Amino acid sequence: MSGRTIVVVTRDRAFTAEGVLVAPGVTRRSRWAEAATRAAGADEILVAGGGEIYAQTIGRASHIHLTEVDLAPEGDARFPPIDPAQWREVSRRKGERGPRDDADF
């Protein structure tokens, strides 16, 4: 992904991937992401989870770009509940399923 700094948060101390920074936790990741954001002249940090990463970072978010996918996959990872007292929906678009997509969104 050109033009982006990617930070992977993982407990796996042996994890490596070309072109990414690796952090052991969200706090460390946040410092790196904030520094990389400033250095790149960007104005936002995008968080892509797992459920645990979302739960740890949603309190710091100023806005959410949420994609609802019309599937019910097996598993226990979930996006944290969105408190309607803290958030309001400002727009909604229907996505078009592409040839490689399994569901509408």
C-alpha atoms as a PDB file:
ATOM      1  CA  MET A   1       0.000   0.000   0.000  1.00  0.00           C
ATOM      2  CA  SER A   2       2.037   2.884  -1.193  1.00  0.00           C
ATOM      3  CA  GLY A   3       1.885   6.112   0.739  1.00  0.00           C
ATOM      4  CA  ARG A   4       0.873   4.402   3.980  1.00  0.00           C
ATOM      5  CA  THR A   5       2.767   3.388   7.064  1.00  0.00           C
ATOM      6  CA  ILE A   6       1.382   0.100   8.341  1.00  0.00           C
ATOM      7  CA  VAL A   7       1.839  -0.942  11.963  1.00  0.00           C
ATOM      8  CA  VAL A   8       0.899  -4.508  12.903  1.00  0.00           C
ATOM      9  CA  VAL A   9       0.045  -5.134  16.548  1.00  0.00           C
ATOM     10  CA  THR A  10       0.810  -8.710  17.543  1.00  0.00           C
ATOM     11  CA  ARG A  11       1.839 -10.747  20.572  1.00  0.00           C
ATOM     12  CA  ASP A  12       3.962 -12.923  18.280  1.00  0.00           C
ATOM     13  CA  ARG A  13       7.503 -11.697  18.951  1.00  0.00           C
ATOM     14  CA  ALA A  14       8.793 -13.551  15.887  1.00  0.00           C
ATOM     15  CA  PHE A  15       6.362 -11.887  13.444  1.00  0.00           C
ATOM     16  CA  THR A  16       7.930  -9.932  10.599  1.00  0.00           C
ATOM     17  CA  ALA A  17       6.586  -8.645   7.320  1.00  0.00           C
ATOM     18  CA  GLU A  18       8.234  -6.571   4.650  1.00  0.00           C
ATOM     19  CA  GLY A  19       7.248  -2.914   4.704  1.00  0.00           C
ATOM     20  CA  VAL A  20       5.487  -2.853   8.084  1.00  0.00           C
ATOM     21  CA  LEU A  21       6.336  -1.787  11.605  1.00  0.00           C
ATOM     22  CA  VAL A  22       5.574  -4.344  14.317  1.00  0.00           C
ATOM     23  CA  ALA A  23       4.393  -3.357  17.804  1.00  0.00           C
ATOM     24  CA  PRO A  24       3.650  -5.547  20.827  1.00  0.00           C
ATOM     25  CA  GLY A  25       0.613  -3.545  21.922  1.00  0.00           C
ATOM     26  CA  VAL A  26      -1.729  -0.677  21.140  1.00  0.00           C
ATOM     27  CA  THR A  27       0.080   1.905  23.298  1.00  0.00           C
ATOM     28  CA  ARG A  28       3.374   1.395  21.479  1.00  0.00           C
ATOM     29  CA  ARG A  29       1.553   1.213  18.147  1.00  0.00           C
ATOM     30  CA  SER A  30      -0.171   4.528  18.840  1.00  0.00           C
ATOM     31  CA  ARG A  31       3.105   6.354  19.426  1.00  0.00           C
ATOM     32  CA  TRP A  32       4.594   4.985  16.203  1.00  0.00           C
ATOM     33  CA  ALA A  33       1.437   5.645  14.205  1.00  0.00           C
ATOM     34  CA  GLU A  34       1.183   9.207  15.474  1.00  0.00           C
ATOM     35  CA  ALA A  35       4.828   9.894  14.620  1.00  0.00           C
ATOM     36  CA  ALA A  36       4.464   8.306  11.174  1.00  0.00           C
ATOM     37  CA  THR A  37       1.271  10.279  10.552  1.00  0.00           C
ATOM     38  CA  ARG A  38       2.976  13.577  11.360  1.00  0.00           C
ATOM     39  CA  ALA A  39       6.039  12.682   9.278  1.00  0.00           C
ATOM     40  CA  ALA A  40       3.867  11.809   6.275  1.00  0.00           C
ATOM     41  CA  GLY A  41       1.779  14.968   6.596  1.00  0.00           C
ATOM     42  CA  ALA A  42      -1.367  12.842   6.940  1.00  0.00           C
ATOM     43  CA  ASP A  43      -4.289  13.900   9.073  1.00  0.00           C
ATOM     44  CA  GLU A  44      -5.650  10.583  10.334  1.00  0.00           C
ATOM     45  CA  ILE A  45      -4.742   7.129  11.562  1.00  0.00           C
ATOM     46  CA  LEU A  46      -6.787   4.191  10.336  1.00  0.00           C
ATOM     47  CA  VAL A  47      -7.250   1.273  12.727  1.00  0.00           C
ATOM     48  CA  ALA A  48      -8.079  -2.108  11.228  1.00  0.00           C
ATOM     49  CA  GLY A  49      -8.768  -4.778  13.827  1.00  0.00           C
ATOM     50  CA  GLY A  50      -9.476  -7.583  15.155  1.00  0.00           C
ATOM     51  CA  GLY A  51     -12.115  -7.103  17.748  1.00  0.00           C
ATOM     52  CA  GLU A  52      -9.638  -6.632  20.605  1.00  0.00           C
ATOM     53  CA  ILE A  53      -7.773  -3.885  18.721  1.00  0.00           C
ATOM     54  CA  TYR A  54     -11.063  -2.098  18.008  1.00  0.00           C
ATOM     55  CA  ALA A  55     -12.118  -2.371  21.668  1.00  0.00           C
ATOM     56  CA  GLN A  56      -8.789  -0.878  22.796  1.00  0.00           C
ATOM     57  CA  THR A  57      -8.889   2.037  20.341  1.00  0.00           C
ATOM     58  CA  ILE A  58     -12.553   3.016  19.876  1.00  0.00           C
ATOM     59  CA  GLY A  59     -12.353   5.430  22.818  1.00  0.00           C
ATOM     60  CA  ARG A  60      -9.688   7.436  20.959  1.00  0.00           C
ATOM     61  CA  ALA A  61     -11.564   7.609  17.660  1.00  0.00           C
ATOM     62  CA  SER A  62     -13.014  10.854  16.361  1.00  0.00           C
ATOM     63  CA  HIS A  63     -15.016   9.111  13.630  1.00  0.00           C
ATOM     64  CA  ILE A  64     -15.757   5.619  12.369  1.00  0.00           C
ATOM     65  CA  HIS A  65     -15.982   4.361   8.801  1.00  0.00           C
ATOM     66  CA  LEU A  66     -18.022   1.224   9.416  1.00  0.00           C
ATOM     67  CA  THR A  67     -18.754  -1.404   6.780  1.00  0.00           C
ATOM     68  CA  GLU A  68     -21.629  -3.765   7.505  1.00  0.00           C
ATOM     69  CA  VAL A  69     -21.315  -7.028   5.586  1.00  0.00           C
ATOM     70  CA  ASP A  70     -24.386  -9.202   4.990  1.00  0.00           C
ATOM     71  CA  LEU A  71     -22.842 -12.387   6.392  1.00  0.00           C
ATOM     72  CA  ALA A  72     -22.992 -14.318   9.661  1.00  0.00           C
ATOM     73  CA  PRO A  73     -19.589 -16.044   9.786  1.00  0.00           C
ATOM     74  CA  GLU A  74     -18.581 -18.381  12.569  1.00  0.00           C
ATOM     75  CA  GLY A  75     -16.275 -16.920  15.188  1.00  0.00           C
ATOM     76  CA  ASP A  76     -16.232 -14.861  18.346  1.00  0.00           C
ATOM     77  CA  ALA A  77     -14.467 -11.627  17.302  1.00  0.00           C
ATOM     78  CA  ARG A  78     -16.862  -8.690  17.163  1.00  0.00           C
ATOM     79  CA  PHE A  79     -16.684  -4.933  16.733  1.00  0.00           C
ATOM     80  CA  PRO A  80     -17.416  -3.315  20.126  1.00  0.00           C
ATOM     81  CA  PRO A  81     -20.899  -1.906  20.692  1.00  0.00           C
ATOM     82  CA  ILE A  82     -21.359   1.632  19.412  1.00  0.00           C
ATOM     83  CA  ASP A  83     -22.872   3.878  22.096  1.00  0.00           C
ATOM     84  CA  PRO A  84     -25.535   6.036  20.376  1.00  0.00           C
ATOM     85  CA  ALA A  85     -24.994   8.723  23.035  1.00  0.00           C
ATOM     86  CA  GLN A  86     -21.398   9.167  21.800  1.00  0.00           C
ATOM     87  CA  TRP A  87     -21.810   8.579  18.057  1.00  0.00           C
ATOM     88  CA  ARG A  88     -24.208   9.602  15.340  1.00  0.00           C
ATOM     89  CA  GLU A  89     -24.529   8.347  11.799  1.00  0.00           C
ATOM     90  CA  VAL A  90     -23.887  11.101   9.268  1.00  0.00           C
ATOM     91  CA  SER A  91     -24.076   9.138   6.012  1.00  0.00           C
ATOM     92  CA  ARG A  92     -24.791   5.703   4.612  1.00  0.00           C
ATOM     93  CA  ARG A  93     -24.062   4.204   1.189  1.00  0.00           C
ATOM     94  CA  LYS A  94     -25.002   0.838  -0.225  1.00  0.00           C
ATOM     95  CA  GLY A  95     -21.992  -0.969  -1.637  1.00  0.00           C
ATOM     96  CA  GLU A  96     -22.084  -3.128  -4.716  1.00  0.00           C
ATOM     97  CA  ARG A  97     -20.929  -6.719  -4.419  1.00  0.00           C
ATOM     98  CA  GLY A  98     -17.967  -7.280  -6.698  1.00  0.00           C
ATOM     99  CA  PRO A  99     -17.065 -10.481  -8.546  1.00  0.00           C
ATOM    100  CA  ARG A 100     -14.761 -11.597  -5.693  1.00  0.00           C
ATOM    101  CA  ASP A 101     -17.163 -10.679  -2.852  1.00  0.00           C
ATOM    102  CA  ASP A 102     -19.231 -13.246  -0.956  1.00  0.00           C
ATOM    103  CA  ALA A 103     -21.925 -10.844   0.226  1.00  0.00           C
ATOM    104  CA  ASP A 104     -23.544  -7.458  -0.139  1.00  0.00           C
ATOM    105  CA  PHE A 105     -22.306  -4.653   2.103  1.00  0.00           C
END
